[in-house]
Amino acid sequence: MSTTFTVIHEGGVLRPLTPLSLPEHARVQVKIVKSTRKKTAASGREQVYNALHDAGLVKPQAIPDALLSVSEMELAAAADALGMAGSISDLIIAERAESY
């Protein structure tokens, strides 16, 4: 049996961040691979993602170039256009009125 899991080093002890399905006093071999993740405390969501990533169930998704290439001017123009359209609730009420 082989499994990969994340641990934290505290007071000279390696402590798993997720429960392990091992019997008490089981002997295992440990291979230490330094993590490249942030050293700050992970939120609950990050811990879940990290556990799923370590299990090979999720993979990081690349951000499309189109999302990265939006200029400040384009963002400002979009915000202006949305502001001119009025409130969302007014738009919904108008759309519903048209359907009657």
N, C-alpha and C. Protein backbone atom coordinates (compact mmCIF):
# COMPACT_ATOMS: atom_id res chain seq x y z
N MET A 1 0.84 -1.17 0.00
CA MET A 1 0.00 0.00 0.00
C MET A 1 0.88 1.24 0.00
N SER A 2 0.52 2.23 -0.83
CA SER A 2 1.24 3.48 -0.89
C SER A 2 0.24 4.62 -0.90
N THR A 3 0.51 5.63 -0.11
CA THR A 3 -0.38 6.80 -0.07
C THR A 3 0.45 8.04 0.17
N THR A 4 -0.06 9.17 -0.28
CA THR A 4 0.60 10.44 -0.06
C THR A 4 -0.31 11.33 0.75
N PHE A 5 0.24 11.99 1.75
CA PHE A 5 -0.55 12.89 2.58
C PHE A 5 0.35 14.00 3.08
N THR A 6 -0.25 15.08 3.53
CA THR A 6 0.49 16.25 3.99
C THR A 6 0.59 16.21 5.50
N VAL A 7 1.77 16.57 6.00
CA VAL A 7 2.00 16.63 7.44
C VAL A 7 2.54 18.01 7.80
N ILE A 8 2.49 18.31 9.09
CA ILE A 8 3.10 19.53 9.60
C ILE A 8 4.09 19.12 10.68
N HIS A 9 5.22 19.80 10.72
CA HIS A 9 6.25 19.50 11.71
C HIS A 9 6.05 20.41 12.90
N GLU A 10 5.75 19.82 14.06
CA GLU A 10 5.52 20.58 15.29
C GLU A 10 6.25 19.90 16.44
N GLY A 11 7.12 20.63 17.07
CA GLY A 11 7.81 20.12 18.26
C GLY A 11 8.56 18.82 18.02
N GLY A 12 9.15 18.68 16.84
CA GLY A 12 9.92 17.49 16.53
C GLY A 12 9.09 16.30 16.08
N VAL A 13 7.79 16.51 15.89
CA VAL A 13 6.88 15.42 15.50
C VAL A 13 6.22 15.77 14.18
N LEU A 14 6.13 14.80 13.27
CA LEU A 14 5.39 14.97 12.03
C LEU A 14 3.94 14.60 12.29
N ARG A 15 3.03 15.57 12.13
CA ARG A 15 1.61 15.34 12.41
C ARG A 15 0.82 15.43 11.11
N PRO A 16 0.12 14.35 10.72
CA PRO A 16 -0.69 14.38 9.49
C PRO A 16 -1.82 15.40 9.61
N LEU A 17 -2.14 16.07 8.49
CA LEU A 17 -3.23 17.04 8.48
C LEU A 17 -4.57 16.37 8.21
N THR A 18 -4.54 15.11 7.79
CA THR A 18 -5.76 14.33 7.57
C THR A 18 -5.63 13.00 8.30
N PRO A 19 -6.74 12.40 8.73
CA PRO A 19 -6.67 11.11 9.42
C PRO A 19 -6.09 10.03 8.50
N LEU A 20 -5.35 9.11 9.09
CA LEU A 20 -4.76 8.00 8.33
C LEU A 20 -5.46 6.70 8.70
N SER A 21 -5.64 5.85 7.72
CA SER A 21 -6.27 4.55 7.99
C SER A 21 -5.17 3.52 8.26
N LEU A 22 -4.51 3.68 9.41
CA LEU A 22 -3.44 2.76 9.81
C LEU A 22 -3.76 2.23 11.20
N PRO A 23 -3.44 0.96 11.44
CA PRO A 23 -3.63 0.46 12.80
C PRO A 23 -2.60 1.07 13.75
N GLU A 24 -2.92 1.12 15.04
CA GLU A 24 -1.98 1.63 16.04
C GLU A 24 -0.66 0.88 15.94
N HIS A 25 0.42 1.60 16.09
CA HIS A 25 1.80 1.07 16.11
C HIS A 25 2.22 0.44 14.77
N ALA A 26 1.54 0.78 13.69
CA ALA A 26 1.94 0.28 12.37
C ALA A 26 3.28 0.91 12.00
N ARG A 27 4.14 0.12 11.41
CA ARG A 27 5.44 0.63 10.95
C ARG A 27 5.31 0.99 9.48
N VAL A 28 5.76 2.20 9.16
CA VAL A 28 5.70 2.69 7.78
C VAL A 28 7.03 3.34 7.44
N GLN A 29 7.30 3.47 6.15
CA GLN A 29 8.48 4.21 5.71
C GLN A 29 8.02 5.60 5.30
N VAL A 30 8.83 6.59 5.62
CA VAL A 30 8.47 7.97 5.32
C VAL A 30 9.51 8.56 4.38
N LYS A 31 9.03 9.20 3.32
CA LYS A 31 9.90 9.92 2.39
C LYS A 31 9.55 11.40 2.54
N ILE A 32 10.54 12.23 2.86
CA ILE A 32 10.26 13.65 3.09
C ILE A 32 10.53 14.42 1.80
N VAL A 33 9.49 15.14 1.36
CA VAL A 33 9.57 16.01 0.19
C VAL A 33 9.10 17.38 0.64
N LYS A 34 9.96 18.37 0.55
CA LYS A 34 9.61 19.70 1.02
C LYS A 34 8.50 20.27 0.15
N SER A 35 7.47 20.78 0.80
CA SER A 35 6.33 21.36 0.10
C SER A 35 6.68 22.73 -0.44
N THR A 36 6.16 23.05 -1.63
CA THR A 36 6.39 24.37 -2.22
C THR A 36 5.23 25.30 -1.92
N ARG A 37 4.26 24.82 -1.16
CA ARG A 37 3.09 25.64 -0.82
C ARG A 37 3.46 26.69 0.22
N LYS A 38 2.61 27.70 0.35
CA LYS A 38 2.81 28.76 1.33
C LYS A 38 2.97 28.19 2.73
N LYS A 39 3.74 28.87 3.54
CA LYS A 39 3.94 28.42 4.91
C LYS A 39 2.91 29.01 5.86
N THR A 40 2.02 29.85 5.35
CA THR A 40 0.99 30.42 6.21
C THR A 40 -0.07 29.37 6.49
N ALA A 41 -0.84 29.57 7.54
CA ALA A 41 -1.90 28.62 7.89
C ALA A 41 -2.96 28.62 6.80
N ALA A 42 -3.29 27.44 6.31
CA ALA A 42 -4.27 27.32 5.23
C ALA A 42 -5.68 27.39 5.80
N SER A 43 -6.57 27.99 5.03
CA SER A 43 -7.97 28.03 5.44
C SER A 43 -8.56 26.63 5.27
N GLY A 44 -9.77 26.43 5.76
CA GLY A 44 -10.43 25.13 5.61
C GLY A 44 -10.57 24.75 4.15
N ARG A 45 -10.92 25.73 3.30
CA ARG A 45 -11.07 25.46 1.86
C ARG A 45 -9.74 25.02 1.25
N GLU A 46 -8.64 25.71 1.63
CA GLU A 46 -7.33 25.35 1.11
C GLU A 46 -6.92 23.95 1.58
N GLN A 47 -7.25 23.61 2.82
CA GLN A 47 -6.90 22.27 3.32
C GLN A 47 -7.64 21.19 2.54
N VAL A 48 -8.91 21.45 2.24
CA VAL A 48 -9.68 20.47 1.46
C VAL A 48 -9.08 20.35 0.07
N TYR A 49 -8.79 21.50 -0.57
CA TYR A 49 -8.20 21.47 -1.91
C TYR A 49 -6.86 20.73 -1.89
N ASN A 50 -6.02 21.04 -0.89
CA ASN A 50 -4.71 20.39 -0.80
C ASN A 50 -4.85 18.88 -0.63
N ALA A 51 -5.82 18.45 0.17
CA ALA A 51 -6.03 17.01 0.36
C ALA A 51 -6.49 16.37 -0.95
N LEU A 52 -7.41 17.02 -1.65
CA LEU A 52 -7.87 16.48 -2.95
C LEU A 52 -6.73 16.48 -3.98
N HIS A 53 -5.91 17.54 -3.97
CA HIS A 53 -4.77 17.61 -4.89
C HIS A 53 -3.77 16.50 -4.58
N ASP A 54 -3.45 16.32 -3.30
CA ASP A 54 -2.50 15.28 -2.91
C ASP A 54 -2.99 13.89 -3.26
N ALA A 55 -4.32 13.70 -3.26
CA ALA A 55 -4.90 12.41 -3.62
C ALA A 55 -5.02 12.24 -5.13
N GLY A 56 -4.67 13.28 -5.89
CA GLY A 56 -4.75 13.21 -7.34
C GLY A 56 -6.16 13.37 -7.89
N LEU A 57 -7.06 13.91 -7.08
CA LEU A 57 -8.46 14.04 -7.51
C LEU A 57 -8.75 15.37 -8.19
N VAL A 58 -7.91 16.38 -7.98
CA VAL A 58 -8.06 17.66 -8.66
C VAL A 58 -6.70 18.11 -9.18
N LYS A 59 -6.75 18.93 -10.22
CA LYS A 59 -5.52 19.49 -10.79
C LYS A 59 -5.69 20.99 -10.87
N PRO A 60 -4.60 21.75 -10.73
CA PRO A 60 -4.70 23.21 -10.85
C PRO A 60 -5.18 23.58 -12.24
N GLN A 61 -6.03 24.60 -12.32
CA GLN A 61 -6.52 25.06 -13.61
C GLN A 61 -5.79 26.34 -14.00
N ALA A 62 -5.38 26.40 -15.26
CA ALA A 62 -4.71 27.59 -15.76
C ALA A 62 -5.72 28.70 -15.99
N ILE A 63 -5.30 29.93 -15.75
CA ILE A 63 -6.16 31.08 -16.00
C ILE A 63 -6.01 31.45 -17.47
N PRO A 64 -7.11 31.50 -18.21
CA PRO A 64 -7.02 31.85 -19.64
C PRO A 64 -6.40 33.23 -19.84
N ASP A 65 -5.60 33.37 -20.91
CA ASP A 65 -4.94 34.64 -21.20
C ASP A 65 -5.94 35.77 -21.36
N ALA A 66 -7.14 35.46 -21.88
CA ALA A 66 -8.15 36.51 -22.09
C ALA A 66 -8.52 37.18 -20.77
N LEU A 67 -8.51 36.45 -19.68
CA LEU A 67 -8.84 37.05 -18.38
C LEU A 67 -7.70 37.92 -17.85
N LEU A 68 -6.49 37.56 -18.21
CA LEU A 68 -5.34 38.31 -17.72
C LEU A 68 -5.09 39.59 -18.52
N SER A 69 -5.66 39.68 -19.73
CA SER A 69 -5.32 40.79 -20.61
C SER A 69 -6.35 41.91 -20.61
N VAL A 70 -7.25 41.97 -19.65
CA VAL A 70 -8.24 43.04 -19.57
C VAL A 70 -7.57 44.26 -18.94
N SER A 71 -7.62 45.38 -19.68
CA SER A 71 -6.95 46.60 -19.19
C SER A 71 -7.85 47.33 -18.20
N GLU A 72 -7.24 48.27 -17.47
CA GLU A 72 -8.00 49.10 -16.53
C GLU A 72 -9.04 49.92 -17.28
N MET A 73 -8.70 50.37 -18.48
CA MET A 73 -9.64 51.16 -19.27
C MET A 73 -10.86 50.33 -19.67
N GLU A 74 -10.62 49.06 -20.06
CA GLU A 74 -11.73 48.17 -20.42
C GLU A 74 -12.62 47.89 -19.20
N LEU A 75 -12.01 47.70 -18.04
CA LEU A 75 -12.78 47.48 -16.82
C LEU A 75 -13.63 48.70 -16.48
N ALA A 76 -13.06 49.89 -16.63
CA ALA A 76 -13.80 51.12 -16.34
C ALA A 76 -14.97 51.28 -17.31
N ALA A 77 -14.76 50.97 -18.59
CA ALA A 77 -15.83 51.08 -19.59
C ALA A 77 -16.96 50.10 -19.28
N ALA A 78 -16.61 48.90 -18.87
CA ALA A 78 -17.62 47.90 -18.52
C ALA A 78 -18.41 48.34 -17.29
N ALA A 79 -17.73 48.91 -16.32
CA ALA A 79 -18.41 49.39 -15.11
C ALA A 79 -19.37 50.53 -15.44
N ASP A 80 -18.93 51.43 -16.33
CA ASP A 80 -19.81 52.53 -16.75
C ASP A 80 -21.05 52.00 -17.46
N ALA A 81 -20.87 51.03 -18.36
CA ALA A 81 -22.00 50.46 -19.10
C ALA A 81 -22.98 49.78 -18.15
N LEU A 82 -22.46 49.06 -17.17
CA LEU A 82 -23.34 48.40 -16.20
C LEU A 82 -24.07 49.42 -15.35
N GLY A 83 -23.41 50.53 -15.01
CA GLY A 83 -24.03 51.58 -14.21
C GLY A 83 -25.16 52.26 -14.95
N MET A 84 -25.02 52.43 -16.26
CA MET A 84 -26.06 53.08 -17.07
C MET A 84 -27.29 52.20 -17.24
N ALA A 85 -27.12 50.90 -17.11
CA ALA A 85 -28.23 49.97 -17.33
C ALA A 85 -29.24 50.04 -16.20
N GLY A 86 -28.88 50.56 -15.06
CA GLY A 86 -29.79 50.64 -13.93
C GLY A 86 -29.58 49.47 -12.98
N SER A 87 -30.42 49.42 -11.95
CA SER A 87 -30.25 48.37 -10.95
C SER A 87 -30.75 47.03 -11.50
N ILE A 88 -30.22 45.97 -10.99
CA ILE A 88 -30.61 44.63 -11.44
C ILE A 88 -32.09 44.39 -11.14
N SER A 89 -32.54 44.84 -9.97
CA SER A 89 -33.95 44.60 -9.63
C SER A 89 -34.88 45.33 -10.60
N ASP A 90 -34.53 46.57 -11.02
CA ASP A 90 -35.35 47.29 -12.00
C ASP A 90 -35.37 46.55 -13.33
N LEU A 91 -34.22 46.00 -13.74
CA LEU A 91 -34.16 45.26 -15.00
C LEU A 91 -35.03 44.00 -14.94
N ILE A 92 -35.02 43.31 -13.82
CA ILE A 92 -35.82 42.09 -13.67
C ILE A 92 -37.31 42.43 -13.69
N ILE A 93 -37.70 43.50 -12.97
CA ILE A 93 -39.10 43.90 -12.95
C ILE A 93 -39.57 44.29 -14.35
N ALA A 94 -38.74 45.02 -15.09
CA ALA A 94 -39.10 45.42 -16.46
C ALA A 94 -39.23 44.21 -17.37
N GLU A 95 -38.29 43.27 -17.22
CA GLU A 95 -38.33 42.07 -18.06
C GLU A 95 -39.57 41.24 -17.77
N ARG A 96 -39.93 41.12 -16.51
CA ARG A 96 -41.12 40.36 -16.15
C ARG A 96 -42.39 41.06 -16.66
N ALA A 97 -42.42 42.39 -16.61
CA ALA A 97 -43.57 43.15 -17.07
C ALA A 97 -43.79 42.94 -18.57
N GLU A 98 -42.70 42.80 -19.31
CA GLU A 98 -42.77 42.60 -20.76
C GLU A 98 -43.38 41.24 -21.10
N SER A 99 -43.21 40.27 -20.23
CA SER A 99 -43.68 38.92 -20.54
C SER A 99 -45.16 38.74 -20.27
N TYR A 100 -45.83 39.73 -19.66
CA TYR A 100 -47.26 39.60 -19.36
C TYR A 100 -48.10 40.15 -20.45
